[in-house]
C-alpha atoms as a PDB file:
ATOM      1  CA  UNK A   1     -12.972   9.396 -36.800  1.00  0.00           C
ATOM      2  CA  UNK A   2     -14.489   8.575 -33.365  1.00  0.00           C
ATOM      3  CA  UNK A   3     -12.794   9.294 -30.157  1.00  0.00           C
ATOM      4  CA  UNK A   4     -10.241   6.846 -28.643  1.00  0.00           C
ATOM      5  CA  UNK A   5     -11.339   5.571 -25.383  1.00  0.00           C
ATOM      6  CA  UNK A   6      -9.007   5.971 -22.637  1.00  0.00           C
ATOM      7  CA  UNK A   7      -9.469   3.501 -19.615  1.00  0.00           C
ATOM      8  CA  UNK A   8      -8.739   5.665 -16.473  1.00  0.00           C
ATOM      9  CA  UNK A   9      -7.777   2.376 -14.469  1.00  0.00           C
ATOM     10  CA  UNK A  10      -5.259   1.236 -16.879  1.00  0.00           C
ATOM     11  CA  UNK A  11      -3.770   4.916 -17.264  1.00  0.00           C
ATOM     12  CA  UNK A  12      -3.701   4.565 -13.143  1.00  0.00           C
ATOM     13  CA  UNK A  13      -2.220   1.325 -13.186  1.00  0.00           C
ATOM     14  CA  UNK A  14       0.639   2.288 -15.389  1.00  0.00           C
ATOM     15  CA  UNK A  15       1.552   5.367 -13.388  1.00  0.00           C
ATOM     16  CA  UNK A  16       1.719   3.214 -10.619  1.00  0.00           C
ATOM     17  CA  UNK A  17       3.640   0.553 -11.989  1.00  0.00           C
ATOM     18  CA  UNK A  18       6.204   3.052 -13.487  1.00  0.00           C
ATOM     19  CA  UNK A  19       6.442   4.917  -9.883  1.00  0.00           C
ATOM     20  CA  UNK A  20       6.965   1.363  -8.116  1.00  0.00           C
ATOM     21  CA  UNK A  21       9.484   0.544 -10.422  1.00  0.00           C
ATOM     22  CA  UNK A  22      11.484   3.867 -10.118  1.00  0.00           C
ATOM     23  CA  UNK A  23      11.105   4.006  -6.614  1.00  0.00           C
ATOM     24  CA  UNK A  24      12.067   0.299  -6.064  1.00  0.00           C
ATOM     25  CA  UNK A  25      14.901   0.315  -8.291  1.00  0.00           C
ATOM     26  CA  UNK A  26      16.511   3.399  -6.484  1.00  0.00           C
ATOM     27  CA  UNK A  27      15.873   1.629  -3.224  1.00  0.00           C
ATOM     28  CA  UNK A  28      17.751  -1.581  -4.109  1.00  0.00           C
ATOM     29  CA  UNK A  29      20.528   0.595  -5.637  1.00  0.00           C
ATOM     30  CA  UNK A  30      20.741   2.704  -2.939  1.00  0.00           C
ATOM     31  CA  UNK A  31      20.294   0.312   0.057  1.00  0.00           C
ATOM     32  CA  UNK A  32      21.490  -3.144  -1.622  1.00  0.00           C
ATOM     33  CA  UNK A  33      21.913  -4.687   1.977  1.00  0.00           C
ATOM     34  CA  UNK A  34      18.636  -4.171   2.895  1.00  0.00           C
ATOM     35  CA  UNK A  35      16.477  -7.094   3.469  1.00  0.00           C
ATOM     36  CA  UNK A  36      12.438  -7.423   3.524  1.00  0.00           C
ATOM     37  CA  UNK A  37      12.873  -7.566   7.549  1.00  0.00           C
ATOM     38  CA  UNK A  38      15.073  -4.388   7.633  1.00  0.00           C
ATOM     39  CA  UNK A  39      12.538  -2.415   5.460  1.00  0.00           C
ATOM     40  CA  UNK A  40       9.471  -3.603   7.619  1.00  0.00           C
ATOM     41  CA  UNK A  41      11.338  -2.670  10.591  1.00  0.00           C
ATOM     42  CA  UNK A  42      12.230   0.658   8.960  1.00  0.00           C
ATOM     43  CA  UNK A  43       8.330   1.079   8.096  1.00  0.00           C
ATOM     44  CA  UNK A  44       7.264   0.214  11.679  1.00  0.00           C
ATOM     45  CA  UNK A  45       9.916   2.822  13.164  1.00  0.00           C
ATOM     46  CA  UNK A  46       8.565   5.607  10.852  1.00  0.00           C
ATOM     47  CA  UNK A  47       5.015   4.811  11.983  1.00  0.00           C
ATOM     48  CA  UNK A  48       5.657   4.734  15.704  1.00  0.00           C
ATOM     49  CA  UNK A  49       8.300   7.510  15.985  1.00  0.00           C
ATOM     50  CA  UNK A  50       7.199  10.033  13.174  1.00  0.00           C
ATOM     51  CA  UNK A  51       3.749   9.666  12.115  1.00  0.00           C
ATOM     52  CA  UNK A  52       2.014   8.963  15.474  1.00  0.00           C
ATOM     53  CA  UNK A  53       2.655  12.710  16.930  1.00  0.00           C
ATOM     54  CA  UNK A  54       1.709  14.775  14.374  1.00  0.00           C
ATOM     55  CA  UNK A  55       1.159  12.928  10.717  1.00  0.00           C
ATOM     56  CA  UNK A  56       4.000  14.973   9.031  1.00  0.00           C
ATOM     57  CA  UNK A  57       3.350  14.301   5.096  1.00  0.00           C
ATOM     58  CA  UNK A  58       6.696  14.055   4.402  1.00  0.00           C
ATOM     59  CA  UNK A  59       7.020  11.248   7.055  1.00  0.00           C
ATOM     60  CA  UNK A  60       3.829   9.603   5.522  1.00  0.00           C
ATOM     61  CA  UNK A  61       5.495   9.979   1.971  1.00  0.00           C
ATOM     62  CA  UNK A  62       8.369   7.966   3.666  1.00  0.00           C
ATOM     63  CA  UNK A  63       6.255   5.179   4.809  1.00  0.00           C
ATOM     64  CA  UNK A  64       4.859   5.003   1.159  1.00  0.00           C
ATOM     65  CA  UNK A  65       8.310   5.054  -0.520  1.00  0.00           C
ATOM     66  CA  UNK A  66       9.529   2.255   1.743  1.00  0.00           C
ATOM     67  CA  UNK A  67       6.433   0.072   0.912  1.00  0.00           C
ATOM     68  CA  UNK A  68       6.727   0.680  -2.760  1.00  0.00           C
ATOM     69  CA  UNK A  69      10.469  -0.144  -2.328  1.00  0.00           C
ATOM     70  CA  UNK A  70       9.466  -3.557  -0.608  1.00  0.00           C
ATOM     71  CA  UNK A  71       7.035  -4.361  -2.930  1.00  0.00           C
ATOM     72  CA  UNK A  72       9.374  -3.796  -5.980  1.00  0.00           C
ATOM     73  CA  UNK A  73      11.849  -6.227  -4.057  1.00  0.00           C
ATOM     74  CA  UNK A  74       8.984  -8.842  -3.708  1.00  0.00           C
ATOM     75  CA  UNK A  75       7.995  -8.333  -7.225  1.00  0.00           C
ATOM     76  CA  UNK A  76       4.349  -7.368  -6.227  1.00  0.00           C
ATOM     77  CA  UNK A  77       2.318  -5.516  -8.339  1.00  0.00           C
ATOM     78  CA  UNK A  78       0.931  -3.270  -5.577  1.00  0.00           C
ATOM     79  CA  UNK A  79      -1.495  -1.112  -7.866  1.00  0.00           C
ATOM     80  CA  UNK A  80      -3.379  -4.473  -8.480  1.00  0.00           C
ATOM     81  CA  UNK A  81      -3.083  -5.968  -4.808  1.00  0.00           C
ATOM     82  CA  UNK A  82      -4.640  -2.638  -3.757  1.00  0.00           C
ATOM     83  CA  UNK A  83      -7.474  -2.646  -6.216  1.00  0.00           C
ATOM     84  CA  UNK A  84      -8.241  -5.928  -5.063  1.00  0.00           C
ATOM     85  CA  UNK A  85      -8.222  -5.422  -1.415  1.00  0.00           C
ATOM     86  CA  UNK A  86     -10.068  -2.418  -1.681  1.00  0.00           C
ATOM     87  CA  UNK A  87     -12.793  -4.297  -3.505  1.00  0.00           C
ATOM     88  CA  UNK A  88     -12.885  -6.822  -0.618  1.00  0.00           C
ATOM     89  CA  UNK A  89     -12.910  -3.916   2.064  1.00  0.00           C
ATOM     90  CA  UNK A  90     -15.739  -2.372   0.399  1.00  0.00           C
ATOM     91  CA  UNK A  91     -17.908  -5.521   0.880  1.00  0.00           C
ATOM     92  CA  UNK A  92     -17.063  -5.983   4.194  1.00  0.00           C
ATOM     93  CA  UNK A  93     -19.150  -5.036   7.345  1.00  0.00           C
ATOM     94  CA  UNK A  94     -17.436  -3.242   9.940  1.00  0.00           C
ATOM     95  CA  UNK A  95     -17.435  -3.191  13.684  1.00  0.00           C
ATOM     96  CA  UNK A  96     -17.803  -0.169  16.125  1.00  0.00           C
ATOM     97  CA  UNK A  97     -14.481   1.408  17.127  1.00  0.00           C
ATOM     98  CA  UNK A  98     -12.605  -0.433  19.395  1.00  0.00           C
ATOM     99  CA  UNK A  99     -10.503   0.617  22.577  1.00  0.00           C
ATOM    100  CA  UNK A 100      -7.660   1.478  20.114  1.00  0.00           C
ATOM    101  CA  UNK A 101      -9.511   3.908  18.392  1.00  0.00           C
ATOM    102  CA  UNK A 102     -10.241   1.933  15.158  1.00  0.00           C
ATOM    103  CA  UNK A 103     -12.648  -0.390  13.311  1.00  0.00           C
ATOM    104  CA  UNK A 104     -12.130  -3.791  12.373  1.00  0.00           C
ATOM    105  CA  UNK A 105     -13.790  -5.951   9.833  1.00  0.00           C
ATOM    106  CA  UNK A 106     -16.493  -8.146  11.303  1.00  0.00           C
ATOM    107  CA  UNK A 107     -15.651 -12.093  10.468  1.00  0.00           C
ATOM    108  CA  UNK A 108     -17.393 -13.265   7.661  1.00  0.00           C
ATOM    109  CA  UNK A 109     -20.258 -15.715   8.390  1.00  0.00           C
ATOM    110  CA  UNK A 110     -20.170 -18.899   6.269  1.00  0.00           C
ATOM    111  CA  UNK A 111     -23.369 -19.167   3.757  1.00  0.00           C
ATOM    112  CA  UNK A 112     -25.219 -22.213   3.758  1.00  0.00           C
ATOM    113  CA  UNK A 113     -25.933 -22.512   0.214  1.00  0.00           C
END
């Protein structure tokens, strides 16, 4: 009898979908009056007030929890969105560090086929 092939991407996808559902459901039940706008404001506050000074792992986790809750509310499969966006980012060309300390992708040059 042959070995069963387990696709690691499918396993990761299922874990992320389950995790997003658990966190998102908890968020909707715990904070039923939250809106997309209020969650985004909360994310911005967490990043600006808590992460900037010392990048505390628990505060970083709060940001991820808020993002997963927002994705759940919007019915976005965040795992698939991350995979798709990461593939785009891998193919991009990146400019030098800007005055704010990070690199941005260079504009894509239209191809003349």
